[in-house]
C-alpha cells in the first residue's frame, strides 16, 4: 500500500510503509535529465548531481556530507538518466528523520563552489573514460546514438569531455532554476518510519521551495527508411553488439505485450536467444533482450558479447529469432513460463526499501500516477500469444533494423546485407 500527498506548491510525496522492515529509504527525484539539455550544456544534469554532494549551505564540504552519512551506516548515492535524476539514502529505521534532513539538504541547498566545480570536472571526465573501457555498458549509449543521432535522446547522459571542461557555475544555477522546482519534484519514503512525523518533516523542509516555470524537453524526432549499422572501433577480446527496432512510449498500452515478447526472446536462461546463442552455438557468455521505453520513444533490442569469428552467425541467429516471433504463435507453455519469470523477477526485485522507492518514484516522475506491482502483473497476465505475434509483425520490419557494435571492425558495410528478416 502507498499514499500520495501533494503539498500546496505542487511537490508530491509518496509514502510506502513497511513496518516489519529494518531499514528505510528516502529518495528525492526530479524531472531533469539529459533530454532536458541543449547541446552546449550536454552532461550538465549528471554533473549537477555530483555537485550536490560537494557542499551545501548547511554542510559546506563534501567531507561533512559523507562523514555524516557514513556515520549513519547509510547506503547513499545519486543517479541521472535521460529523463530524471534521483538522490537517496537508505538507513536503519531509527535514522529516518536524519536521512531525510541530509538528502533534502543536498537537493535544496547546493552551493556550487567554483573551485569544487573545476576539480570535479576531472572526476566526470575519468568517469566517462571508465565507461569507454566498459563496452558491455557503452554499447547502450552507442545504440541510442544510432537510433536518434544528434538530438537529446541520442546524447550520452554523461556528456562530452569538451563540453564538461567549459561548464560554469552560472550554467548550474540557470539549469537548476528551470528544472529543480516543486511541481517537478517527488519525495519517496519507503520501509519502516513514523508516517505522520515524516510527512510533517518533508512539508517543513520542502514547503517553501521556490516555484517557477518548468523547462521542457524537445520532442524526439523518429526517422528511419532503411537498416542502419554503426561500428565503434576498439581493440577488444570480443565484439559487443545491440540489434533491434524502434518501439513506442511507455504510455502505449502494448507495453505489457512488448515486455512479455522481450522476455520470451531473451529474458532468462531458458529464453530463445540464450538457448540458441550460448547453449547451441557457444558463441557468447552474455546474451539478452529487453525493451526500454521512455515518455516519448522506445526500443526493443538484443545484446551480446560475441567471439569475433562468430559475429556473422550470431547476427543471423538473432534475426532468425526476431522473425520467428512474426511467423509462429508462441506456445501456451512458453507464454506461461515468460509471465511467471516476469512476475518472479519483479517481486523479488522489490524486496528492499530502496528498490521499492525507485519503483514508485520512476512511475510518479514519468507517468504522474502509480500502478502497484499486482496491477502490473495483472496486465501482463492478460497478454495473449496472438497479441505477441501481431506486435512482432508491426515492429519487426527490415527497414527498421538497427545494429550497433563495439569491436575491432573498422566499418559496418559488410553487415548491411545481413540485416534482413
Protein backbone atom coordinates (compact mmCIF):
# COMPACT_ATOMS: atom_id res chain seq x y z
CA UNK A 1 0.00 0.00 0.00
CA UNK A 2 1.18 3.51 -0.78
CA UNK A 3 -0.06 7.01 -0.05
CA UNK A 4 0.33 10.10 -2.22
CA UNK A 5 0.38 13.57 -0.67
CA UNK A 6 0.61 16.82 -2.66
CA UNK A 7 1.85 19.99 -0.98
CA UNK A 8 0.44 23.44 -1.80
CA UNK A 9 3.47 24.22 -4.00
CA UNK A 10 2.89 21.08 -6.08
CA UNK A 11 5.59 18.86 -4.59
CA UNK A 12 4.48 15.24 -4.36
CA UNK A 13 5.23 12.81 -1.53
CA UNK A 14 4.87 9.04 -1.90
CA UNK A 15 4.97 7.03 1.33
CA UNK A 16 5.13 3.23 1.28
CA UNK A 17 5.19 1.91 4.86
CA UNK A 18 6.75 -1.48 5.60
CA UNK A 19 6.53 -1.75 9.41
CA UNK A 20 8.43 -5.04 9.57
CA UNK A 21 11.41 -3.71 7.62
CA UNK A 22 14.66 -3.00 9.46
CA UNK A 23 15.52 -0.15 7.09
CA UNK A 24 14.02 2.90 5.41
CA UNK A 25 14.88 4.76 2.24
CA UNK A 26 14.34 8.38 1.29
CA UNK A 27 14.59 9.20 -2.40
CA UNK A 28 14.14 12.62 -3.98
CA UNK A 29 13.51 12.54 -7.73
CA UNK A 30 13.16 15.37 -10.22
CA UNK A 31 12.06 15.65 -13.83
CA UNK A 32 15.51 16.60 -15.09
CA UNK A 33 17.95 14.64 -17.18
CA UNK A 34 19.97 14.78 -20.38
CA UNK A 35 16.86 15.06 -22.57
CA UNK A 36 16.19 18.44 -20.91
CA UNK A 37 19.55 19.80 -22.03
CA UNK A 38 20.75 21.81 -25.02
CA UNK A 39 23.88 20.73 -26.85
CA UNK A 40 26.06 23.42 -25.25
CA UNK A 41 25.36 22.02 -21.77
CA UNK A 42 25.12 18.30 -22.55
CA UNK A 43 26.18 16.42 -19.42
CA UNK A 44 25.14 19.17 -17.00
CA UNK A 45 22.28 17.16 -15.44
CA UNK A 46 24.72 14.45 -14.40
CA UNK A 47 27.43 16.94 -13.38
CA UNK A 48 24.91 18.81 -11.20
CA UNK A 49 24.06 15.59 -9.41
CA UNK A 50 27.76 15.24 -8.49
CA UNK A 51 27.96 18.83 -7.27
CA UNK A 52 25.09 18.41 -4.81
CA UNK A 53 27.43 16.15 -2.80
CA UNK A 54 30.26 18.71 -2.85
CA UNK A 55 28.79 21.14 -0.34
CA UNK A 56 25.57 22.79 0.86
CA UNK A 57 24.76 25.88 2.88
CA UNK A 58 24.33 23.66 5.96
CA UNK A 59 27.18 21.26 5.21
CA UNK A 60 29.74 23.29 3.26
CA UNK A 61 32.16 20.48 2.33
CA UNK A 62 31.92 17.04 0.80
CA UNK A 63 33.66 15.57 3.84
CA UNK A 64 30.95 16.85 6.19
CA UNK A 65 28.28 15.27 3.98
CA UNK A 66 29.97 11.91 3.52
CA UNK A 67 31.10 11.67 7.15
CA UNK A 68 27.57 12.22 8.42
CA UNK A 69 26.08 9.70 6.00
CA UNK A 70 28.81 7.15 6.75
CA UNK A 71 28.23 7.74 10.44
CA UNK A 72 24.66 6.55 9.94
CA UNK A 73 25.87 3.40 8.20
CA UNK A 74 23.92 4.62 5.18
CA UNK A 75 23.86 3.35 1.64
CA UNK A 76 23.63 6.53 -0.41
CA UNK A 77 24.12 7.75 -3.93
CA UNK A 78 22.55 9.65 -6.79
CA UNK A 79 21.82 8.77 -10.41
CA UNK A 80 20.94 10.57 -13.60
CA UNK A 81 19.08 9.25 -16.62
CA UNK A 82 17.71 10.78 -19.80
CA UNK A 83 14.51 11.91 -18.07
CA UNK A 84 15.07 12.04 -14.32
CA UNK A 85 17.62 12.49 -11.56
CA UNK A 86 17.44 10.94 -8.09
CA UNK A 87 19.18 11.33 -4.71
CA UNK A 88 18.77 8.70 -2.00
CA UNK A 89 19.87 7.36 1.35
CA UNK A 90 18.99 4.02 2.91
CA UNK A 91 19.48 3.75 6.68
CA UNK A 92 18.43 1.82 9.73
CA UNK A 93 14.85 2.76 10.51
CA UNK A 94 15.69 4.79 13.62
CA UNK A 95 17.77 7.19 11.49
CA UNK A 96 14.85 8.09 9.23
CA UNK A 97 14.50 11.75 10.06
CA UNK A 98 18.24 12.44 9.91
CA UNK A 99 18.42 10.78 6.48
CA UNK A 100 15.54 12.92 5.23
CA UNK A 101 17.27 16.05 6.55
CA UNK A 102 20.51 15.11 4.78
CA UNK A 103 19.05 14.25 1.40
CA UNK A 104 16.79 17.30 1.41
CA UNK A 105 19.81 19.49 2.16
CA UNK A 106 21.71 18.06 -0.81
CA UNK A 107 18.74 18.67 -3.07
CA UNK A 108 17.66 22.09 -1.83
CA UNK A 109 20.87 23.85 -0.82
CA UNK A 110 23.89 23.10 -3.05
CA UNK A 111 26.44 25.93 -3.14
CA UNK A 112 28.20 25.10 -6.43
CA UNK A 113 31.61 26.27 -5.24
CA UNK A 114 33.65 27.30 -8.29
CA UNK A 115 36.83 25.62 -7.10
CA UNK A 116 34.94 22.37 -6.48
CA UNK A 117 33.37 22.56 -9.95
CA UNK A 118 36.81 22.77 -11.52
CA UNK A 119 38.09 19.81 -9.50
CA UNK A 120 35.01 17.72 -10.23
CA UNK A 121 35.47 18.19 -13.97
CA UNK A 122 38.40 15.81 -13.71
CA UNK A 123 36.24 13.27 -11.87
CA UNK A 124 33.49 13.47 -14.50
CA UNK A 125 35.97 13.03 -17.35
CA UNK A 126 37.51 9.99 -15.65
CA UNK A 127 34.01 8.54 -15.23
CA UNK A 128 33.48 8.95 -18.98
CA UNK A 129 36.86 7.30 -19.58
CA UNK A 130 35.85 4.41 -17.32
CA UNK A 131 32.71 3.75 -19.35
CA UNK A 132 34.75 3.79 -22.56
CA UNK A 133 36.60 0.82 -21.07
CA UNK A 134 33.31 -0.97 -20.31
CA UNK A 135 31.96 -1.84 -23.78
CA UNK A 136 29.19 -4.03 -22.37
CA UNK A 137 27.76 -0.84 -20.87
CA UNK A 138 28.90 1.61 -23.55
CA UNK A 139 27.10 -0.26 -26.33
CA UNK A 140 23.78 1.01 -24.95
CA UNK A 141 24.89 4.63 -25.47
CA UNK A 142 26.09 3.78 -28.97
CA UNK A 143 22.77 2.16 -29.83
CA UNK A 144 20.79 5.21 -28.69
CA UNK A 145 23.03 7.47 -30.75
CA UNK A 146 22.48 5.21 -33.75
CA UNK A 147 18.70 5.49 -33.31
CA UNK A 148 18.38 9.19 -32.57
CA UNK A 149 21.57 10.89 -33.70
CA UNK A 150 22.33 14.46 -32.71
CA UNK A 151 19.27 15.19 -30.59
CA UNK A 152 18.85 14.85 -26.81
CA UNK A 153 17.54 11.27 -26.99
CA UNK A 154 20.76 10.28 -28.76
CA UNK A 155 23.21 12.10 -26.50
CA UNK A 156 25.28 10.48 -23.77
CA UNK A 157 23.86 11.21 -20.31
CA UNK A 158 27.40 11.86 -19.09
CA UNK A 159 28.03 14.46 -21.78
CA UNK A 160 31.09 15.20 -23.87
CA UNK A 161 34.52 15.98 -22.43
CA UNK A 162 34.95 19.24 -24.33
CA UNK A 163 31.60 20.49 -23.02
CA UNK A 164 32.29 19.35 -19.45
CA UNK A 165 35.52 21.35 -19.44
CA UNK A 166 33.80 24.70 -20.12
CA UNK A 167 30.72 24.46 -17.86
CA UNK A 168 30.46 27.25 -15.28
CA UNK A 169 28.69 27.91 -12.00
CA UNK A 170 26.23 30.12 -13.89
CA UNK A 171 25.26 27.12 -16.06
CA UNK A 172 24.44 25.06 -12.95
CA UNK A 173 22.42 27.84 -11.34
CA UNK A 174 20.43 28.60 -14.50
CA UNK A 175 19.65 24.93 -15.22
CA UNK A 176 18.63 24.22 -11.65
CA UNK A 177 16.29 27.24 -11.64
CA UNK A 178 14.49 25.83 -14.71
CA UNK A 179 14.10 22.27 -13.52
CA UNK A 180 14.55 21.75 -9.77
CA UNK A 181 11.06 23.03 -8.97
CA UNK A 182 8.43 21.73 -6.53
CA UNK A 183 5.94 20.69 -9.21
CA UNK A 184 8.70 18.60 -10.84
CA UNK A 185 9.88 17.02 -7.58
CA UNK A 186 8.75 13.86 -5.80
CA UNK A 187 9.94 12.67 -2.39
CA UNK A 188 9.54 8.93 -1.83
CA UNK A 189 9.86 7.31 1.60
CA UNK A 190 9.72 3.53 1.95
CA UNK A 191 10.37 0.99 4.69
CA UNK A 192 9.81 1.45 8.43
CA UNK A 193 9.13 5.04 9.56
CA UNK A 194 6.72 7.21 11.52
CA UNK A 195 4.48 8.38 8.68
CA UNK A 196 2.90 11.48 10.34
CA UNK A 197 6.29 12.68 11.56
CA UNK A 198 7.91 12.11 8.17
CA UNK A 199 5.15 13.92 6.29
CA UNK A 200 5.40 16.89 8.66
CA UNK A 201 9.18 17.00 8.29
CA UNK A 202 9.06 16.89 4.47
CA UNK A 203 6.43 19.62 4.37
CA UNK A 204 8.59 21.79 6.62
CA UNK A 205 11.71 21.21 4.52
CA UNK A 206 10.17 21.46 1.05
CA UNK A 207 7.08 23.60 1.66
CA UNK A 208 8.85 26.89 0.91
CA UNK A 209 10.62 25.64 -2.19
CA UNK A 210 10.56 28.36 -4.87
CA UNK A 211 8.18 27.82 -7.77
CA UNK A 212 8.66 28.83 -11.40
CA UNK A 213 8.04 27.82 -14.98
CA UNK A 214 9.38 24.33 -15.67
CA UNK A 215 11.76 23.88 -18.57
CA UNK A 216 10.61 21.39 -21.20
CA UNK A 217 12.40 18.82 -23.32
CA UNK A 218 12.48 18.67 -27.11
CA UNK A 219 10.19 16.16 -28.79
CA UNK A 220 12.01 13.15 -30.19
CA UNK A 221 12.27 13.03 -33.99
CA UNK A 222 11.85 9.49 -35.33
CA UNK A 223 13.21 8.95 -38.83
CA UNK A 224 14.37 5.74 -40.48
CA UNK A 225 13.92 4.44 -44.00
CA UNK A 226 16.39 1.56 -44.17
CA UNK A 227 18.55 -0.66 -41.94
CA UNK A 228 21.40 1.17 -40.23
CA UNK A 229 24.78 -0.13 -39.00
CA UNK A 230 27.21 1.72 -36.76
CA UNK A 231 30.60 0.42 -35.66
CA UNK A 232 32.81 1.94 -32.96
CA UNK A 233 36.34 0.70 -33.46
CA UNK A 234 38.01 -0.61 -30.30
CA UNK A 235 40.58 -3.34 -29.89
CA UNK A 236 38.80 -5.85 -27.67
CA UNK A 237 38.63 -9.57 -26.99
CA UNK A 238 35.00 -9.79 -28.11
CA UNK A 239 32.59 -7.74 -30.19
CA UNK A 240 29.74 -6.20 -28.23
CA UNK A 241 26.55 -5.61 -30.18
CA UNK A 242 22.99 -4.44 -29.92
CA UNK A 243 20.48 -5.31 -32.63
CA UNK A 244 16.92 -4.08 -32.52
CA UNK A 245 13.98 -1.94 -33.56
CA UNK A 246 12.22 1.26 -32.60
CA UNK A 247 9.10 0.71 -30.50
CA UNK A 248 6.84 3.23 -28.73
CA UNK A 249 6.50 5.22 -25.50
CA UNK A 250 5.76 3.93 -22.02
CA UNK A 251 2.20 5.21 -22.35
CA UNK A 252 1.33 2.78 -25.13
CA UNK A 253 -0.99 0.03 -23.88
CA UNK A 254 1.04 -2.51 -25.87
CA UNK A 255 3.93 -2.08 -23.43
CA UNK A 256 2.89 -5.19 -21.48
CA UNK A 257 2.82 -7.27 -24.65
CA UNK A 258 6.28 -5.96 -25.51
CA UNK A 259 7.61 -6.91 -22.06
CA UNK A 260 6.41 -10.49 -22.47
CA UNK A 261 7.77 -10.64 -26.02
CA UNK A 262 11.18 -9.41 -24.86
CA UNK A 263 11.25 -11.96 -22.05
CA UNK A 264 10.50 -14.80 -24.45
CA UNK A 265 13.22 -13.57 -26.76
CA UNK A 266 15.99 -13.01 -24.22
CA UNK A 267 14.75 -12.65 -20.65
CA UNK A 268 16.39 -15.58 -18.93
CA UNK A 269 18.48 -18.72 -19.26
CA UNK A 270 15.53 -20.55 -20.83
CA UNK A 271 14.90 -17.76 -23.35
CA UNK A 272 15.17 -18.38 -27.06
CA UNK A 273 18.29 -16.30 -27.60
CA UNK A 274 20.14 -17.70 -24.59
CA UNK A 275 19.43 -21.24 -25.71
CA UNK A 276 20.42 -20.58 -29.33
CA UNK A 277 23.44 -18.26 -28.97
CA UNK A 278 25.03 -19.59 -25.79
CA UNK A 279 23.88 -23.18 -25.41
CA UNK A 280 23.79 -24.26 -29.07
CA UNK A 281 26.40 -22.04 -30.73
CA UNK A 282 28.68 -21.43 -27.74
CA UNK A 283 29.30 -18.00 -29.21
CA UNK A 284 28.64 -15.67 -26.26
CA UNK A 285 28.77 -15.55 -22.49
CA UNK A 286 26.06 -12.92 -22.15
CA UNK A 287 23.05 -12.66 -24.44
CA UNK A 288 19.80 -10.92 -23.61
CA UNK A 289 16.91 -8.90 -24.96
CA UNK A 290 14.90 -6.11 -23.38
CA UNK A 291 12.54 -3.26 -24.09
CA UNK A 292 13.46 0.24 -22.96
CA UNK A 293 10.58 2.73 -23.03
CA UNK A 294 10.66 6.47 -22.32
CA UNK A 295 7.95 9.14 -22.18
CA UNK A 296 8.05 9.77 -25.93
CA UNK A 297 10.01 6.95 -27.57
CA UNK A 298 11.28 3.44 -27.01
CA UNK A 299 13.02 0.42 -28.49
CA UNK A 300 13.48 -3.33 -28.18
CA UNK A 301 16.91 -4.83 -28.74
CA UNK A 302 19.03 -7.90 -28.22
CA UNK A 303 22.53 -7.50 -26.80
CA UNK A 304 25.53 -9.83 -26.71
CA UNK A 305 29.29 -10.09 -26.34
CA UNK A 306 30.43 -12.30 -29.21
CA UNK A 307 33.56 -14.12 -30.33
CA UNK A 308 34.81 -12.18 -33.38
CA UNK A 309 34.82 -15.20 -35.69
CA UNK A 310 31.18 -15.99 -34.88
CA UNK A 311 29.84 -12.46 -35.26
CA UNK A 312 28.06 -13.06 -38.56
CA UNK A 313 26.40 -16.28 -37.47
CA UNK A 314 25.22 -14.67 -34.21
CA UNK A 315 23.65 -11.72 -36.05
CA UNK A 316 21.87 -14.14 -38.36
CA UNK A 317 20.66 -16.21 -35.41
CA UNK A 318 19.28 -13.13 -33.60
CA UNK A 319 17.48 -12.02 -36.75
CA UNK A 320 16.02 -15.51 -37.16
CA UNK A 321 14.55 -15.33 -33.65
CA UNK A 322 13.01 -11.92 -34.34
CA UNK A 323 11.44 -13.32 -37.50
CA UNK A 324 10.25 -16.47 -35.76
CA UNK A 325 8.10 -14.31 -33.49
CA UNK A 326 6.38 -12.86 -36.55
CA UNK A 327 5.85 -16.26 -38.19
CA UNK A 328 4.86 -18.57 -35.34
CA UNK A 329 2.47 -18.15 -32.40
CA UNK A 330 4.15 -18.55 -29.02
CA UNK A 331 3.08 -21.78 -27.34
CA UNK A 332 0.91 -21.71 -24.23
CA UNK A 333 3.71 -23.32 -22.21
CA UNK A 334 6.33 -20.77 -23.27
CA UNK A 335 3.93 -17.89 -22.70
CA UNK A 336 3.14 -19.07 -19.17
CA UNK A 337 6.84 -19.50 -18.39
CA UNK A 338 7.65 -15.97 -19.55
CA UNK A 339 4.84 -14.47 -17.48
CA UNK A 340 5.97 -16.37 -14.41
CA UNK A 341 9.56 -15.25 -14.99
CA UNK A 342 8.50 -11.61 -15.24
CA UNK A 343 6.38 -11.94 -12.10
CA UNK A 344 9.14 -13.53 -10.05
CA UNK A 345 11.77 -11.07 -11.28
CA UNK A 346 9.60 -8.08 -10.41
CA UNK A 347 8.51 -9.24 -6.97
CA UNK A 348 11.96 -10.41 -5.89
CA UNK A 349 13.40 -7.14 -7.14
CA UNK A 350 11.08 -5.18 -4.85
CA UNK A 351 12.09 -6.85 -1.59
CA UNK A 352 14.18 -3.93 -0.36
CA UNK A 353 13.12 -0.41 0.60
CA UNK A 354 15.46 1.25 -1.91
CA UNK A 355 14.22 -0.79 -4.88
CA UNK A 356 10.64 -0.08 -3.84
CA UNK A 357 11.41 3.65 -3.66
CA UNK A 358 12.79 3.66 -7.20
CA UNK A 359 9.79 1.65 -8.42
CA UNK A 360 7.26 4.21 -7.16
CA UNK A 361 9.48 7.21 -7.85
CA UNK A 362 10.02 6.49 -11.52
CA UNK A 363 6.30 5.96 -12.04
CA UNK A 364 5.39 9.24 -10.38
CA UNK A 365 8.08 11.32 -12.08
CA UNK A 366 7.41 9.95 -15.56
CA UNK A 367 3.74 8.93 -15.53
CA UNK A 368 2.28 11.12 -12.75
CA UNK A 369 0.43 8.06 -11.49
CA UNK A 370 1.22 4.75 -9.84
CA UNK A 371 0.39 1.14 -10.52
CA UNK A 372 1.04 -1.39 -7.79
CA UNK A 373 3.10 -4.45 -8.69
CA UNK A 374 -0.06 -6.57 -8.57
CA UNK A 375 -1.80 -4.25 -11.04
CA UNK A 376 1.12 -4.51 -13.47
CA UNK A 377 1.24 -8.29 -13.15
CA UNK A 378 -2.49 -8.49 -13.93
CA UNK A 379 -1.82 -6.57 -17.16
CA UNK A 380 0.99 -8.97 -18.04
CA UNK A 381 -1.19 -11.98 -17.29
CA UNK A 382 -3.75 -10.79 -19.87
CA UNK A 383 -1.22 -10.81 -22.74
CA UNK A 384 -2.05 -13.39 -25.41
CA UNK A 385 0.02 -15.27 -27.95
CA UNK A 386 -1.94 -13.60 -30.76
CA UNK A 387 -1.09 -10.13 -29.37
CA UNK A 388 2.60 -11.02 -29.29
CA UNK A 389 2.61 -12.17 -32.90
CA UNK A 390 0.65 -9.11 -34.04
CA UNK A 391 3.06 -6.76 -32.27
CA UNK A 392 6.08 -8.58 -33.68
CA UNK A 393 4.71 -8.12 -37.21
CA UNK A 394 4.16 -4.41 -36.55
CA UNK A 395 7.65 -3.73 -35.15
CA UNK A 396 9.98 -6.22 -36.79
CA UNK A 397 10.43 -4.96 -40.34
CA UNK A 398 13.59 -4.81 -42.45
CA UNK A 399 13.50 -1.03 -42.82
CA UNK A 400 13.54 -0.62 -39.03
CA UNK A 401 16.60 -2.73 -38.26
CA UNK A 402 19.47 -1.17 -36.28
CA UNK A 403 22.84 -2.75 -35.49
CA UNK A 404 25.45 -1.12 -33.24
CA UNK A 405 28.81 -2.74 -32.48
CA UNK A 406 31.96 -2.08 -30.49
CA UNK A 407 34.99 -4.11 -31.52
CA UNK A 408 37.98 -4.42 -33.84
CA UNK A 409 35.95 -3.97 -37.03
CA UNK A 410 36.55 -0.53 -38.54
CA UNK A 411 33.37 -0.25 -40.60
CA UNK A 412 30.00 -1.97 -40.89
CA UNK A 413 29.32 -2.14 -44.62
CA UNK A 414 29.86 -5.89 -44.72
CA UNK A 415 26.98 -6.32 -42.24
CA UNK A 416 24.42 -4.20 -44.08
CA UNK A 417 23.38 -7.05 -46.35
CA UNK A 418 22.84 -9.30 -43.33
CA UNK A 419 20.11 -7.07 -41.95
CA UNK A 420 17.14 -8.88 -43.41
CA UNK A 421 14.43 -10.82 -41.65
